[in-house]
C-alpha atoms as a PDB file:
ATOM      1  CA  MET A   1      77.834 100.616  91.496  1.00  0.00           C
ATOM      2  CA  GLN A   2      76.812 100.799  87.864  1.00  0.00           C
ATOM      3  CA  PHE A   3      79.107  99.641  85.099  1.00  0.00           C
ATOM      4  CA  ASN A   4      80.148 102.581  82.953  1.00  0.00           C
ATOM      5  CA  ALA A   5      80.809 101.420  79.390  1.00  0.00           C
ATOM      6  CA  LYS A   6      82.453 104.718  78.433  1.00  0.00           C
ATOM      7  CA  ASN A   7      84.952 104.550  81.280  1.00  0.00           C
ATOM      8  CA  PHE A   8      85.591 100.874  80.583  1.00  0.00           C
ATOM      9  CA  LYS A   9      86.523 101.762  77.000  1.00  0.00           C
ATOM     10  CA  TYR A  10      88.835 104.481  78.316  1.00  0.00           C
ATOM     11  CA  TYR A  11      90.663 102.124  80.652  1.00  0.00           C
ATOM     12  CA  CYS A  12      90.911  99.486  77.934  1.00  0.00           C
ATOM     13  CA  THR A  13      92.772 102.098  75.874  1.00  0.00           C
ATOM     14  CA  MET A  14      94.581 103.589  78.852  1.00  0.00           C
ATOM     15  CA  ASP A  15      97.446 105.784  77.689  1.00  0.00           C
ATOM     16  CA  THR A  16     101.015 104.669  78.182  1.00  0.00           C
ATOM     17  CA  GLU A  17     101.760 107.216  80.907  1.00  0.00           C
ATOM     18  CA  ILE A  18      98.977 105.993  83.189  1.00  0.00           C
ATOM     19  CA  MET A  19      99.776 102.353  82.509  1.00  0.00           C
ATOM     20  CA  LEU A  20     103.445 102.896  83.359  1.00  0.00           C
ATOM     21  CA  ALA A  21     102.503 104.759  86.528  1.00  0.00           C
ATOM     22  CA  LEU A  22     100.225 101.929  87.667  1.00  0.00           C
ATOM     23  CA  PHE A  23     102.874  99.360  86.721  1.00  0.00           C
ATOM     24  CA  SER A  24     105.555 101.225  88.686  1.00  0.00           C
ATOM     25  CA  PHE A  25     103.290 101.595  91.711  1.00  0.00           C
ATOM     26  CA  SER A  26     102.516  97.864  91.654  1.00  0.00           C
ATOM     27  CA  VAL A  27     106.152  96.820  91.271  1.00  0.00           C
ATOM     28  CA  VAL A  28     107.438  99.081  94.030  1.00  0.00           C
ATOM     29  CA  THR A  29     104.738  98.196  96.547  1.00  0.00           C
ATOM     30  CA  LEU A  30     104.665  94.468  95.806  1.00  0.00           C
ATOM     31  CA  PHE A  31     108.396  93.770  95.587  1.00  0.00           C
ATOM     32  CA  THR A  32     109.551  95.838  98.567  1.00  0.00           C
ATOM     33  CA  PRO A  33     109.811  94.011 101.922  1.00  0.00           C
ATOM     34  CA  GLY A  34     106.578  93.708 103.845  1.00  0.00           C
ATOM     35  CA  PRO A  35     104.681  91.137 105.909  1.00  0.00           C
ATOM     36  CA  ASN A  36     103.735  89.044 102.866  1.00  0.00           C
ATOM     37  CA  ASN A  37     107.214  88.947 101.356  1.00  0.00           C
ATOM     38  CA  VAL A  38     108.986  88.293 104.638  1.00  0.00           C
ATOM     39  CA  MET A  39     106.607  85.433 105.426  1.00  0.00           C
ATOM     40  CA  LEU A  40     106.976  83.965 101.920  1.00  0.00           C
ATOM     41  CA  MET A  41     110.758  84.021 102.166  1.00  0.00           C
ATOM     42  CA  ALA A  42     110.626  82.380 105.590  1.00  0.00           C
ATOM     43  CA  SER A  43     108.197  79.771 104.250  1.00  0.00           C
ATOM     44  CA  GLY A  44     110.459  78.994 101.303  1.00  0.00           C
ATOM     45  CA  ALA A  45     113.445  78.588 103.620  1.00  0.00           C
ATOM     46  CA  ASN A  46     111.625  76.406 106.136  1.00  0.00           C
ATOM     47  CA  PHE A  47     109.299  74.368 103.929  1.00  0.00           C
ATOM     48  CA  GLY A  48     110.659  74.620 100.373  1.00  0.00           C
ATOM     49  CA  LEU A  49     109.043  75.958  97.211  1.00  0.00           C
ATOM     50  CA  ARG A  50     106.645  73.091  96.489  1.00  0.00           C
ATOM     51  CA  ARG A  51     105.042  73.074  99.934  1.00  0.00           C
ATOM     52  CA  SER A  52     104.829  76.885  99.902  1.00  0.00           C
ATOM     53  CA  VAL A  53     102.896  77.070  96.606  1.00  0.00           C
ATOM     54  CA  PRO A  54      99.452  77.376  98.293  1.00  0.00           C
ATOM     55  CA  HIS A  55     100.840  80.165 100.477  1.00  0.00           C
ATOM     56  CA  LEU A  56     102.282  82.132  97.559  1.00  0.00           C
ATOM     57  CA  LEU A  57      99.131  81.669  95.457  1.00  0.00           C
ATOM     58  CA  GLY A  58      97.019  82.849  98.381  1.00  0.00           C
ATOM     59  CA  VAL A  59      99.083  86.028  98.594  1.00  0.00           C
ATOM     60  CA  ALA A  60      99.116  86.559  94.827  1.00  0.00           C
ATOM     61  CA  ALA A  61      95.335  86.177  94.478  1.00  0.00           C
ATOM     62  CA  GLY A  62      94.200  87.278  97.915  1.00  0.00           C
ATOM     63  CA  PHE A  63      95.375  90.869  97.699  1.00  0.00           C
ATOM     64  CA  PRO A  64      93.782  91.639  94.292  1.00  0.00           C
ATOM     65  CA  LEU A  65      90.555  90.088  95.594  1.00  0.00           C
ATOM     66  CA  MET A  66      90.789  92.406  98.591  1.00  0.00           C
ATOM     67  CA  VAL A  67      91.233  95.462  96.356  1.00  0.00           C
ATOM     68  CA  LEU A  68      87.846  94.911  94.694  1.00  0.00           C
ATOM     69  CA  PRO A  69      85.584  95.322  97.761  1.00  0.00           C
ATOM     70  CA  VAL A  70      87.861  98.024  99.175  1.00  0.00           C
ATOM     71  CA  GLY A  71      87.481  99.999  95.957  1.00  0.00           C
ATOM     72  CA  LEU A  72      83.752  99.395  95.879  1.00  0.00           C
ATOM     73  CA  GLY A  73      83.245 100.993  99.265  1.00  0.00           C
ATOM     74  CA  VAL A  74      84.364  98.900 102.246  1.00  0.00           C
ATOM     75  CA  MET A  75      86.129 101.928 103.713  1.00  0.00           C
ATOM     76  CA  ARG A  76      82.804 103.722 103.959  1.00  0.00           C
ATOM     77  CA  LEU A  77      81.953 101.334 106.778  1.00  0.00           C
ATOM     78  CA  PHE A  78      84.983 102.565 108.706  1.00  0.00           C
ATOM     79  CA  ASP A  79      83.978 106.165 107.999  1.00  0.00           C
ATOM     80  CA  MET A  80      80.593 105.418 109.534  1.00  0.00           C
ATOM     81  CA  PHE A  81      82.064 103.559 112.523  1.00  0.00           C
ATOM     82  CA  PRO A  82      85.686 104.645 113.216  1.00  0.00           C
ATOM     83  CA  PRO A  83      86.183 102.297 116.225  1.00  0.00           C
ATOM     84  CA  ALA A  84      85.951  99.377 113.785  1.00  0.00           C
ATOM     85  CA  LEU A  85      89.095 100.586 112.029  1.00  0.00           C
ATOM     86  CA  LEU A  86      90.942 100.883 115.331  1.00  0.00           C
ATOM     87  CA  GLY A  87      89.833  97.381 116.257  1.00  0.00           C
ATOM     88  CA  LEU A  88      91.115  96.065 112.929  1.00  0.00           C
ATOM     89  CA  GLN A  89      94.491  97.755 113.445  1.00  0.00           C
ATOM     90  CA  VAL A  90      94.884  96.304 116.940  1.00  0.00           C
ATOM     91  CA  ALA A  91      93.905  92.815 115.757  1.00  0.00           C
ATOM     92  CA  SER A  92      96.318  93.117 112.834  1.00  0.00           C
ATOM     93  CA  ILE A  93      99.256  94.059 115.058  1.00  0.00           C
ATOM     94  CA  LEU A  94      98.571  91.262 117.536  1.00  0.00           C
ATOM     95  CA  TYR A  95      98.242  88.649 114.799  1.00  0.00           C
ATOM     96  CA  LEU A  96     101.429  89.776 113.064  1.00  0.00           C
ATOM     97  CA  LEU A  97     103.327  89.667 116.350  1.00  0.00           C
ATOM     98  CA  TYR A  98     102.066  86.108 116.815  1.00  0.00           C
ATOM     99  CA  LEU A  99     103.266  85.177 113.324  1.00  0.00           C
ATOM    100  CA  ALA A 100     106.645  86.781 114.022  1.00  0.00           C
ATOM    101  CA  TRP A 101     106.945  84.685 117.183  1.00  0.00           C
ATOM    102  CA  LYS A 102     106.142  81.516 115.220  1.00  0.00           C
ATOM    103  CA  ILE A 103     108.763  82.343 112.585  1.00  0.00           C
ATOM    104  CA  ALA A 104     111.400  83.133 115.206  1.00  0.00           C
ATOM    105  CA  HIS A 105     110.809  79.810 116.976  1.00  0.00           C
ATOM    106  CA  ALA A 106     110.427  77.625 113.885  1.00  0.00           C
ATOM    107  CA  ALA A 107     112.331  74.354 114.246  1.00  0.00           C
ATOM    108  CA  PRO A 108     114.737  73.084 111.572  1.00  0.00           C
ATOM    109  CA  PRO A 109     112.856  71.169 108.835  1.00  0.00           C
ATOM    110  CA  LYS A 110     114.150  67.782 109.983  1.00  0.00           C
ATOM    111  CA  ASP A 111     113.153  68.496 113.604  1.00  0.00           C
ATOM    112  CA  ALA A 112     109.858  70.251 112.911  1.00  0.00           C
ATOM    113  CA  PRO A 113     106.735  68.530 114.246  1.00  0.00           C
ATOM    114  CA  ALA A 114     104.430  66.828 111.773  1.00  0.00           C
ATOM    115  CA  SER A 115     101.859  69.562 112.350  1.00  0.00           C
ATOM    116  CA  ALA A 116     104.248  72.272 111.101  1.00  0.00           C
ATOM    117  CA  ARG A 117     103.190  73.524 107.685  1.00  0.00           C
ATOM    118  CA  PRO A 118     103.105  76.760 105.679  1.00  0.00           C
ATOM    119  CA  LEU A 119      99.952  78.841 105.365  1.00  0.00           C
ATOM    120  CA  THR A 120      97.223  77.399 103.166  1.00  0.00           C
ATOM    121  CA  PHE A 121      95.754  79.275 100.208  1.00  0.00           C
ATOM    122  CA  VAL A 122      92.729  80.385 102.236  1.00  0.00           C
ATOM    123  CA  GLN A 123      94.821  81.422 105.245  1.00  0.00           C
ATOM    124  CA  ALA A 124      97.199  83.472 103.077  1.00  0.00           C
ATOM    125  CA  ALA A 125      94.312  85.121 101.214  1.00  0.00           C
ATOM    126  CA  ALA A 126      92.479  85.908 104.457  1.00  0.00           C
ATOM    127  CA  PHE A 127      95.689  87.302 105.954  1.00  0.00           C
ATOM    128  CA  GLN A 128      95.502  90.257 103.553  1.00  0.00           C
ATOM    129  CA  TRP A 129      92.587  91.651 105.558  1.00  0.00           C
ATOM    130  CA  VAL A 130      94.748  91.976 108.685  1.00  0.00           C
ATOM    131  CA  ASN A 131      97.890  93.096 106.854  1.00  0.00           C
ATOM    132  CA  PRO A 132      98.501  96.830 107.458  1.00  0.00           C
ATOM    133  CA  LYS A 133     100.677  97.158 104.353  1.00  0.00           C
ATOM    134  CA  ALA A 134      97.940  95.564 102.214  1.00  0.00           C
ATOM    135  CA  TRP A 135      95.426  98.140 103.470  1.00  0.00           C
ATOM    136  CA  SER A 136      97.869 100.972 102.781  1.00  0.00           C
ATOM    137  CA  MET A 137      98.558  99.673  99.261  1.00  0.00           C
ATOM    138  CA  ALA A 138      94.896  99.113  98.442  1.00  0.00           C
ATOM    139  CA  LEU A 139      93.809 102.551  99.602  1.00  0.00           C
ATOM    140  CA  GLY A 140      96.734 104.224  97.849  1.00  0.00           C
ATOM    141  CA  ALA A 141      96.071 102.459  94.548  1.00  0.00           C
ATOM    142  CA  ILE A 142      92.342 103.204  94.609  1.00  0.00           C
ATOM    143  CA  THR A 143      93.000 106.852  95.456  1.00  0.00           C
ATOM    144  CA  LEU A 144      95.570 107.298  92.690  1.00  0.00           C
ATOM    145  CA  TYR A 145      94.150 105.191  89.870  1.00  0.00           C
ATOM    146  CA  ALA A 146      90.456 104.675  90.627  1.00  0.00           C
ATOM    147  CA  ALA A 147      89.430 107.788  92.498  1.00  0.00           C
ATOM    148  CA  ASN A 148      86.053 107.841  90.741  1.00  0.00           C
ATOM    149  CA  ARG A 149      85.399 104.301  92.061  1.00  0.00           C
ATOM    150  CA  ASP A 150      84.495 103.184  88.548  1.00  0.00           C
ATOM    151  CA  LEU A 151      84.340  99.389  88.253  1.00  0.00           C
ATOM    152  CA  ALA A 152      86.575  99.300  85.168  1.00  0.00           C
ATOM    153  CA  ALA A 153      89.298 101.304  86.914  1.00  0.00           C
ATOM    154  CA  ILE A 154      89.126  99.089  89.987  1.00  0.00           C
ATOM    155  CA  LEU A 155      89.420  95.995  87.785  1.00  0.00           C
ATOM    156  CA  TRP A 156      92.510  97.453  86.119  1.00  0.00           C
ATOM    157  CA  VAL A 157      94.129  98.092  89.494  1.00  0.00           C
ATOM    158  CA  SER A 158      93.214  94.624  90.756  1.00  0.00           C
ATOM    159  CA  GLY A 159      94.443  92.967  87.561  1.00  0.00           C
ATOM    160  CA  SER A 160      97.759  94.795  87.776  1.00  0.00           C
ATOM    161  CA  PHE A 161      98.284  93.600  91.331  1.00  0.00           C
ATOM    162  CA  LEU A 162      97.374  90.043  90.338  1.00  0.00           C
ATOM    163  CA  ALA A 163      99.875  89.862  87.473  1.00  0.00           C
ATOM    164  CA  ILE A 164     102.787  91.538  89.228  1.00  0.00           C
ATOM    165  CA  GLY A 165     101.933  90.067  92.618  1.00  0.00           C
ATOM    166  CA  THR A 166     102.227  86.538  91.253  1.00  0.00           C
ATOM    167  CA  VAL A 167     105.769  87.249  90.051  1.00  0.00           C
ATOM    168  CA  SER A 168     106.658  88.949  93.341  1.00  0.00           C
ATOM    169  CA  ALA A 169     105.309  86.114  95.496  1.00  0.00           C
ATOM    170  CA  LEU A 170     107.166  83.505  93.438  1.00  0.00           C
ATOM    171  CA  THR A 171     110.375  85.535  93.592  1.00  0.00           C
ATOM    172  CA  TRP A 172     110.361  85.967  97.362  1.00  0.00           C
ATOM    173  CA  THR A 173     109.484  82.318  97.968  1.00  0.00           C
ATOM    174  CA  ALA A 174     112.245  81.241  95.573  1.00  0.00           C
ATOM    175  CA  LEU A 175     114.718  83.475  97.445  1.00  0.00           C
ATOM    176  CA  GLY A 176     113.875  81.653 100.645  1.00  0.00           C
ATOM    177  CA  THR A 177     114.200  78.305  98.913  1.00  0.00           C
ATOM    178  CA  GLY A 178     117.550  79.378  97.468  1.00  0.00           C
ATOM    179  CA  VAL A 179     119.097  79.786 100.915  1.00  0.00           C
ATOM    180  CA  ARG A 180     117.415  76.660 102.277  1.00  0.00           C
ATOM    181  CA  ARG A 181     120.497  74.459 101.772  1.00  0.00           C
ATOM    182  CA  TRP A 182     122.778  77.073 103.345  1.00  0.00           C
ATOM    183  CA  LEU A 183     120.464  77.079 106.375  1.00  0.00           C
ATOM    184  CA  ASP A 184     120.832  73.372 107.065  1.00  0.00           C
ATOM    185  CA  GLN A 185     122.828  74.248 110.166  1.00  0.00           C
ATOM    186  CA  PRO A 186     120.568  74.981 113.180  1.00  0.00           C
ATOM    187  CA  GLY A 187     122.552  78.063 114.160  1.00  0.00           C
ATOM    188  CA  ARG A 188     122.208  79.676 110.744  1.00  0.00           C
ATOM    189  CA  LEU A 189     118.514  78.841 110.527  1.00  0.00           C
ATOM    190  CA  ARG A 190     117.919  80.312 113.975  1.00  0.00           C
ATOM    191  CA  VAL A 191     119.605  83.585 112.977  1.00  0.00           C
ATOM    192  CA  PHE A 192     117.652  83.649 109.701  1.00  0.00           C
ATOM    193  CA  ASN A 193     114.294  83.053 111.380  1.00  0.00           C
ATOM    194  CA  TRP A 194     114.919  85.665 114.059  1.00  0.00           C
ATOM    195  CA  THR A 195     115.977  88.116 111.349  1.00  0.00           C
ATOM    196  CA  MET A 196     112.792  87.404 109.372  1.00  0.00           C
ATOM    197  CA  ALA A 197     110.725  87.852 112.538  1.00  0.00           C
ATOM    198  CA  ALA A 198     112.415  91.200 113.236  1.00  0.00           C
ATOM    199  CA  LEU A 199     111.824  92.340 109.656  1.00  0.00           C
ATOM    200  CA  LEU A 200     108.169  91.349 109.940  1.00  0.00           C
ATOM    201  CA  VAL A 201     107.723  93.413 113.086  1.00  0.00           C
ATOM    202  CA  GLY A 202     109.711  96.266 111.527  1.00  0.00           C
ATOM    203  CA  SER A 203     107.615  96.259 108.354  1.00  0.00           C
ATOM    204  CA  VAL A 204     104.469  96.584 110.444  1.00  0.00           C
ATOM    205  CA  ALA A 205     105.960  99.427 112.475  1.00  0.00           C
ATOM    206  CA  MET A 206     106.921 101.317 109.306  1.00  0.00           C
ATOM    207  CA  VAL A 207     103.370 101.137 107.968  1.00  0.00           C
ATOM    208  CA  MET A 208     101.713 102.064 111.250  1.00  0.00           C
ATOM    209  CA  VAL A 209     103.789 105.214 111.827  1.00  0.00           C
ATOM    210  CA  ARG A 210     102.972 106.704 108.428  1.00  0.00           C
END
């Protein structure tokens, strides 16, 4: 894809209406419950904010980095070979069900095995590629705000997700950390983790039935 200087200048001086629309789209899609946010909240509750920093940074940076190749034409591969998209959807559902099971059966922090740890930066970033909501958001944003697949437009969309996504990831992790002390009782933590697991499965179901 060639860089179009004229379009870049246009997006650098993007009018207020378009900027507000992109901002609103980013806020609504990034702050509403979904696999990333549910997992970040569960991580904050089970591991605390400091240990969850790599996870939240992986989410904040991983999705914008996913938007770039998607906007530049990754979906054309699925158009050429539709079974690949079906395979990705099946793999995504199975992996998310596995993560939901792990959250539901997470042990209290003091009883958790030494091997228990939140997702790393790389794992969280890679997770975006099997996250149904991430695919839905990326395709929706590209369609609405970068339909011409111009590099400058795609960079604007990606940059918007990076800025707002960082705030969203920190907020959801902090929410989990905020209830961490209240969850010091095993019974409460068990209910919380099962609730988070159910929300994770539910968020996937909502995306898949659209």
